[in-house]
Amino acid sequence: MIKVMSKSAMVAIVGRPSAGKSTLMNALCGEKISIVTPVPQTTRNRVRGILNDESGQIVFLDTPGFHHSEKKFNQQLMTLVSESLEDCDLVLYLIDASRRPGAEERELISIIAKVSVPVLLVVNKIDAADAAAAAAVEEQVVQAAGEPFAAIRRVSATRSDGLEELKTELFRLAPDGEAMYPEDYYTDQDPEFRIAEIIRERAMLRAREELPHAMYVEIHDLEIRDSADGGNDGTQLWVRASVNVENKSQVGLVVGKGGVGIKAIRTESQKEIGRLFPYRVHLDLRVKVSPKWRRNDGLIRRIVN
């Protein structure tokens, strides 16, 4: 049953790659919803995280990092960011206190300036920059924006500094309304998407730097197999999936010497998937070559959504 709450808002989290958007959303919601890696533009989809509080409900849209590029794949990511801004009640614009604004920041500011909803500026990673440097970065962004932000807050998503104050500000700016999801929800992602993202995260963390954006994960089968006697102890979730790369030379980067890499990805993924479901998990994971997949419009639209 959906509980009527006093405040309800869809909040788009936008910012440059590696600003900490996924880490912030996970910290605000108290659950791991978006995968997090050191690789820029890890997020490829609009991932919804749900914060339920006595003040109301906030639904966050974690968007891909804003990055200007002529490549089809990156252009689709930027389309996703623009669409998220059209669908939200508030914009949470995240900047990195340890990184000076650049051309991408100015371009993103020009896009944000066109929205008709309140924009909250959040300065993240204050633990990674001294107070003077953080203040300088904040001032540069404020001056570039021209129009005043609805509010400004400083946080450290990794250390949870300033998050309670940020939540208070979000609910203050949120419009009155009913909750969009039941109060026990923290995301609306379907099981197939969550499993694919876990595998992709493990593969990205294991693979070399040149590989991550050249791969995607495909779930071929999800099946619940009950034990022979009908009990729950033997019930298993069987998953058949593949890590897809662009050429044969990249297969070895995933598989590793003697298969050590793919075995580690499978074991780590299986363990994390097991935390999401009340079943024993069996993961059959392979590596496939999908040549020039980043030029396939249909596939890109399926992956980036």
Protein backbone atom coordinates (compact mmCIF):
# COMPACT_ATOMS: atom_id res chain seq x y z
CA MET A 1 0.00 0.00 0.00
CA ILE A 2 1.33 3.43 -0.94
CA LYS A 3 1.53 5.79 2.00
CA VAL A 4 0.42 9.41 1.55
CA MET A 5 3.31 11.70 2.43
CA SER A 6 3.56 15.46 2.67
CA LYS A 7 6.47 15.88 0.22
CA SER A 8 7.21 14.05 -3.02
CA ALA A 9 9.73 14.85 -5.75
CA MET A 10 11.66 13.42 -8.67
CA VAL A 11 15.23 14.73 -8.40
CA ALA A 12 17.73 14.49 -11.28
CA ILE A 13 21.35 14.25 -10.14
CA VAL A 14 23.60 15.74 -12.82
CA GLY A 15 27.29 16.58 -13.04
CA ARG A 16 30.55 15.88 -14.85
CA PRO A 17 32.00 12.34 -14.87
CA SER A 18 33.49 11.26 -11.52
CA ALA A 19 31.77 14.04 -9.55
CA GLY A 20 30.41 11.33 -7.23
CA LYS A 21 26.76 11.19 -8.34
CA SER A 22 26.29 7.45 -7.80
CA THR A 23 28.14 7.50 -4.47
CA LEU A 24 25.94 10.37 -3.29
CA MET A 25 22.69 8.69 -4.30
CA ASN A 26 23.70 5.44 -2.61
CA ALA A 27 24.60 7.35 0.56
CA LEU A 28 21.35 9.34 0.60
CA CYS A 29 19.22 6.23 0.08
CA GLY A 30 21.22 4.06 2.47
CA GLU A 31 21.53 1.25 -0.08
CA LYS A 32 23.86 0.33 -2.93
CA ILE A 33 21.72 1.13 -5.95
CA SER A 34 24.13 2.47 -8.55
CA ILE A 35 27.40 0.68 -9.23
CA VAL A 36 30.54 2.65 -8.41
CA THR A 37 34.01 2.35 -9.97
CA PRO A 38 36.97 4.72 -10.42
CA VAL A 39 36.25 4.78 -14.16
CA PRO A 40 34.55 7.97 -15.44
CA GLN A 41 31.05 7.52 -16.91
CA THR A 42 30.40 4.22 -15.15
CA THR A 43 26.69 5.07 -15.04
CA ARG A 44 24.98 4.42 -18.39
CA ASN A 45 21.34 4.58 -17.39
CA ARG A 46 18.89 6.64 -15.39
CA VAL A 47 19.05 4.66 -12.17
CA ARG A 48 16.28 5.36 -9.69
CA GLY A 49 17.01 5.44 -5.97
CA ILE A 50 14.22 6.06 -3.48
CA LEU A 51 14.61 7.92 -0.19
CA ASN A 52 11.72 7.46 2.24
CA ASP A 53 11.61 9.77 5.22
CA GLU A 54 9.01 11.01 7.68
CA SER A 55 9.08 14.25 5.67
CA GLY A 56 8.17 12.52 2.42
CA GLN A 57 9.66 10.62 -0.50
CA ILE A 58 12.44 11.63 -2.88
CA VAL A 59 13.04 9.63 -6.07
CA PHE A 60 16.55 10.27 -7.39
CA LEU A 61 17.55 9.84 -11.04
CA ASP A 62 21.27 9.08 -11.16
CA THR A 63 22.34 10.17 -14.65
CA PRO A 64 25.49 9.51 -16.72
CA GLY A 65 28.33 11.98 -16.27
CA PHE A 66 28.02 14.92 -18.64
CA HIS A 67 30.74 14.54 -21.26
CA HIS A 68 30.80 16.19 -24.68
CA SER A 69 31.66 13.76 -27.49
CA GLU A 70 30.77 13.10 -31.11
CA LYS A 71 30.63 9.33 -30.56
CA LYS A 72 27.17 7.76 -30.86
CA PHE A 73 27.42 6.02 -27.50
CA ASN A 74 28.28 9.23 -25.63
CA GLN A 75 25.67 11.20 -27.53
CA GLN A 76 23.01 8.76 -26.35
CA LEU A 77 24.24 9.21 -22.78
CA MET A 78 23.89 12.97 -23.10
CA THR A 79 20.39 12.59 -24.52
CA LEU A 80 19.56 10.64 -21.37
CA VAL A 81 20.80 13.52 -19.20
CA SER A 82 18.67 16.05 -21.10
CA GLU A 83 15.57 13.85 -20.86
CA SER A 84 16.08 13.47 -17.10
CA LEU A 85 16.06 17.26 -16.70
CA GLU A 86 12.70 17.38 -18.48
CA ASP A 87 11.15 14.78 -16.19
CA CYS A 88 12.16 16.09 -12.75
CA ASP A 89 10.78 18.36 -10.03
CA LEU A 90 14.23 19.39 -8.78
CA VAL A 91 17.78 19.32 -10.13
CA LEU A 92 20.69 18.38 -7.88
CA TYR A 93 23.75 19.75 -9.65
CA LEU A 94 26.86 18.06 -8.24
CA ILE A 95 30.36 19.51 -8.60
CA ASP A 96 33.73 18.25 -7.41
CA ALA A 97 35.37 20.57 -4.85
CA SER A 98 38.82 19.29 -5.85
CA ARG A 99 38.46 19.97 -9.60
CA ARG A 100 38.33 23.37 -11.28
CA PRO A 101 35.40 23.94 -13.66
CA GLY A 102 36.14 23.43 -17.35
CA ALA A 103 34.41 23.66 -20.72
CA GLU A 104 32.11 20.70 -19.93
CA GLU A 105 31.05 22.39 -16.69
CA ARG A 106 30.14 25.58 -18.56
CA GLU A 107 28.20 23.62 -21.17
CA LEU A 108 26.28 21.74 -18.48
CA ILE A 109 25.52 25.01 -16.68
CA SER A 110 24.05 26.41 -19.91
CA ILE A 111 21.75 23.37 -20.17
CA ILE A 112 20.69 23.54 -16.52
CA ALA A 113 19.91 27.25 -16.90
CA LYS A 114 17.05 26.35 -19.25
CA VAL A 115 15.12 24.21 -16.74
CA SER A 116 12.09 25.68 -15.00
CA VAL A 117 12.49 23.80 -11.70
CA PRO A 118 14.66 24.69 -8.65
CA VAL A 119 18.36 23.80 -8.97
CA LEU A 120 20.30 22.83 -5.84
CA LEU A 121 24.08 23.18 -6.13
CA VAL A 122 25.95 20.54 -4.13
CA VAL A 123 29.71 20.79 -3.69
CA ASN A 124 31.01 17.24 -3.16
CA LYS A 125 34.38 15.84 -2.02
CA ILE A 126 35.00 18.60 0.53
CA ASP A 127 37.23 16.07 2.30
CA ALA A 128 39.54 16.05 -0.75
CA ALA A 129 40.05 19.83 -0.94
CA ASP A 130 40.88 22.51 1.60
CA ALA A 131 38.18 25.03 2.47
CA ALA A 132 39.68 27.81 0.35
CA ALA A 133 39.91 25.61 -2.76
CA ALA A 134 36.35 24.34 -2.31
CA ALA A 135 35.07 27.89 -1.88
CA ALA A 136 36.93 29.00 -5.04
CA VAL A 137 35.41 26.18 -7.13
CA GLU A 138 31.96 26.97 -5.76
CA GLU A 139 32.34 30.67 -6.54
CA GLN A 140 33.46 29.97 -10.11
CA VAL A 141 30.39 27.83 -10.77
CA VAL A 142 28.05 30.37 -9.16
CA GLN A 143 29.49 33.15 -11.31
CA ALA A 144 29.28 31.03 -14.47
CA ALA A 145 25.63 30.20 -13.74
CA GLY A 146 24.63 33.86 -13.46
CA GLU A 147 21.21 33.07 -11.99
CA PRO A 148 21.19 32.20 -8.26
CA PHE A 149 20.76 28.58 -7.20
CA ALA A 150 17.81 27.63 -4.99
CA ALA A 151 20.34 26.58 -2.34
CA ILE A 152 23.99 25.53 -1.99
CA ARG A 153 25.28 22.72 0.19
CA ARG A 154 28.72 21.19 0.75
CA VAL A 155 29.07 17.44 1.36
CA SER A 156 31.38 14.48 1.35
CA ALA A 157 29.39 11.57 -0.04
CA THR A 158 32.07 9.03 0.90
CA ARG A 159 32.16 10.21 4.52
CA SER A 160 28.44 11.13 4.75
CA ASP A 161 29.35 14.66 5.85
CA GLY A 162 26.54 17.17 5.32
CA LEU A 163 24.02 14.61 4.10
CA GLU A 164 21.38 15.27 6.76
CA GLU A 165 21.47 18.98 5.95
CA LEU A 166 21.19 18.13 2.25
CA LYS A 167 18.16 15.91 2.88
CA THR A 168 16.50 18.72 4.84
CA GLU A 169 17.08 21.11 1.95
CA LEU A 170 15.72 18.65 -0.61
CA PHE A 171 12.49 18.16 1.31
CA ARG A 172 12.16 21.92 1.82
CA LEU A 173 12.34 22.46 -1.94
CA ALA A 174 10.19 19.44 -2.86
CA PRO A 175 6.54 20.07 -3.76
CA ASP A 176 3.69 18.62 -1.74
CA GLY A 177 2.42 15.32 -3.04
CA GLU A 178 1.84 11.61 -2.56
CA ALA A 179 4.59 9.01 -2.56
CA MET A 180 5.28 7.49 -5.97
CA TYR A 181 6.40 4.13 -4.55
CA PRO A 182 5.57 1.97 -1.50
CA GLU A 183 7.63 3.07 1.51
CA ASP A 184 9.66 -0.17 1.63
CA TYR A 185 11.09 0.41 -1.88
CA TYR A 186 14.60 1.79 -2.34
CA THR A 187 14.76 1.27 -6.13
CA ASP A 188 12.51 0.20 -9.00
CA GLN A 189 15.19 -1.55 -11.05
CA ASP A 190 14.19 -4.95 -12.40
CA PRO A 191 16.26 -8.01 -11.38
CA GLU A 192 17.84 -8.44 -14.82
CA PHE A 193 19.18 -4.88 -14.84
CA ARG A 194 20.57 -5.12 -11.30
CA ILE A 195 22.32 -8.41 -12.02
CA ALA A 196 23.83 -7.08 -15.26
CA GLU A 197 25.10 -3.96 -13.46
CA ILE A 198 26.73 -6.01 -10.70
CA ILE A 199 28.57 -8.12 -13.26
CA ARG A 200 29.62 -5.01 -15.19
CA GLU A 201 30.94 -3.38 -12.03
CA ARG A 202 33.01 -6.45 -11.12
CA ALA A 203 34.36 -6.68 -14.68
CA MET A 204 35.26 -2.98 -14.75
CA LEU A 205 37.09 -3.21 -11.46
CA ARG A 206 39.04 -6.25 -12.66
CA ALA A 207 39.82 -5.18 -16.23
CA ARG A 208 42.46 -2.73 -17.38
CA GLU A 209 41.69 0.94 -17.90
CA GLU A 210 41.39 0.71 -21.69
CA LEU A 211 38.60 -1.90 -21.59
CA PRO A 212 35.61 -0.70 -19.46
CA HIS A 213 33.74 1.38 -22.06
CA ALA A 214 34.33 -1.30 -24.70
CA MET A 215 32.15 -3.86 -22.93
CA TYR A 216 28.56 -4.46 -21.93
CA VAL A 217 26.81 -7.27 -20.06
CA GLU A 218 23.94 -9.29 -21.47
CA ILE A 219 21.62 -11.50 -19.41
CA HIS A 220 20.47 -14.46 -21.49
CA ASP A 221 18.44 -16.43 -18.93
CA LEU A 222 17.10 -16.02 -15.39
CA GLU A 223 15.50 -19.10 -13.89
CA ILE A 224 14.31 -20.10 -10.42
CA ARG A 225 14.86 -23.81 -9.84
CA ASP A 226 13.08 -25.33 -6.85
CA SER A 227 14.50 -28.20 -4.87
CA ALA A 228 13.17 -31.68 -5.61
CA ASP A 229 11.28 -31.88 -2.30
CA GLY A 230 9.66 -28.47 -2.67
CA GLY A 231 11.63 -26.92 0.18
CA ASN A 232 13.39 -23.57 0.15
CA ASP A 233 16.85 -24.76 1.13
CA GLY A 234 17.62 -26.04 -2.31
CA THR A 235 16.00 -23.26 -4.32
CA GLN A 236 18.46 -21.58 -6.67
CA LEU A 237 18.54 -18.61 -8.99
CA TRP A 238 20.29 -19.65 -12.19
CA VAL A 239 21.74 -16.85 -14.29
CA ARG A 240 23.31 -17.23 -17.72
CA ALA A 241 25.14 -14.08 -18.79
CA SER A 242 27.93 -12.82 -20.99
CA VAL A 243 30.46 -10.02 -20.88
CA ASN A 244 30.56 -8.67 -24.43
CA VAL A 245 33.69 -6.98 -25.81
CA GLU A 246 34.49 -5.47 -29.21
CA ASN A 247 37.33 -7.67 -30.44
CA LYS A 248 39.23 -10.87 -29.71
CA SER A 249 42.22 -9.06 -28.23
CA GLN A 250 39.98 -7.77 -25.42
CA VAL A 251 38.80 -11.24 -24.45
CA GLY A 252 42.06 -11.93 -22.66
CA LEU A 253 41.72 -8.75 -20.60
CA VAL A 254 38.51 -10.15 -19.11
CA VAL A 255 39.40 -13.84 -18.97
CA GLY A 256 42.87 -13.32 -17.51
CA LYS A 257 45.77 -15.76 -17.48
CA GLY A 258 44.46 -19.28 -17.00
CA GLY A 259 40.91 -17.96 -16.61
CA VAL A 260 41.70 -16.28 -13.28
CA GLY A 261 40.01 -13.01 -14.27
CA ILE A 262 36.65 -14.36 -15.40
CA LYS A 263 36.55 -16.75 -12.43
CA ALA A 264 37.06 -13.83 -10.02
CA ILE A 265 34.39 -11.76 -11.78
CA ARG A 266 31.94 -14.68 -11.56
CA THR A 267 32.69 -15.42 -7.90
CA GLU A 268 32.48 -11.78 -6.78
CA SER A 269 29.32 -11.15 -8.83
CA GLN A 270 27.64 -14.29 -7.57
CA LYS A 271 28.33 -13.27 -3.97
CA GLU A 272 26.89 -9.78 -4.45
CA ILE A 273 23.85 -11.02 -6.38
CA GLY A 274 23.23 -13.39 -3.48
CA ARG A 275 22.74 -10.38 -1.19
CA LEU A 276 19.80 -9.22 -3.31
CA PHE A 277 17.81 -12.44 -3.52
CA PRO A 278 16.68 -15.05 -0.97
CA TYR A 279 18.09 -17.87 -3.10
CA ARG A 280 21.34 -19.63 -3.70
CA VAL A 281 22.81 -18.15 -6.87
CA HIS A 282 24.42 -20.05 -9.72
CA LEU A 283 26.07 -17.81 -12.32
CA ASP A 284 27.17 -19.12 -15.72
CA LEU A 285 29.36 -16.33 -17.12
CA ARG A 286 31.04 -16.27 -20.53
CA VAL A 287 32.93 -13.72 -22.66
CA LYS A 288 31.66 -12.96 -26.16
CA VAL A 289 32.92 -10.80 -29.01
CA SER A 290 30.40 -8.30 -30.38
CA PRO A 291 32.29 -6.32 -33.07
CA LYS A 292 31.66 -2.56 -33.28
CA TRP A 293 28.72 -2.77 -30.88
CA ARG A 294 29.12 0.92 -29.96
CA ARG A 295 28.09 1.78 -33.52
CA ASN A 296 24.90 -0.29 -33.33
CA ASP A 297 22.08 2.22 -32.80
CA GLY A 298 19.52 -0.38 -31.75
CA LEU A 299 21.84 -1.97 -29.20
CA ILE A 300 22.90 1.40 -27.79
CA ARG A 301 19.27 2.40 -27.27
CA ARG A 302 18.68 -0.91 -25.47
CA ILE A 303 21.72 -0.53 -23.22
CA VAL A 304 21.35 3.20 -22.49
CA ASN A 305 17.87 3.95 -21.17
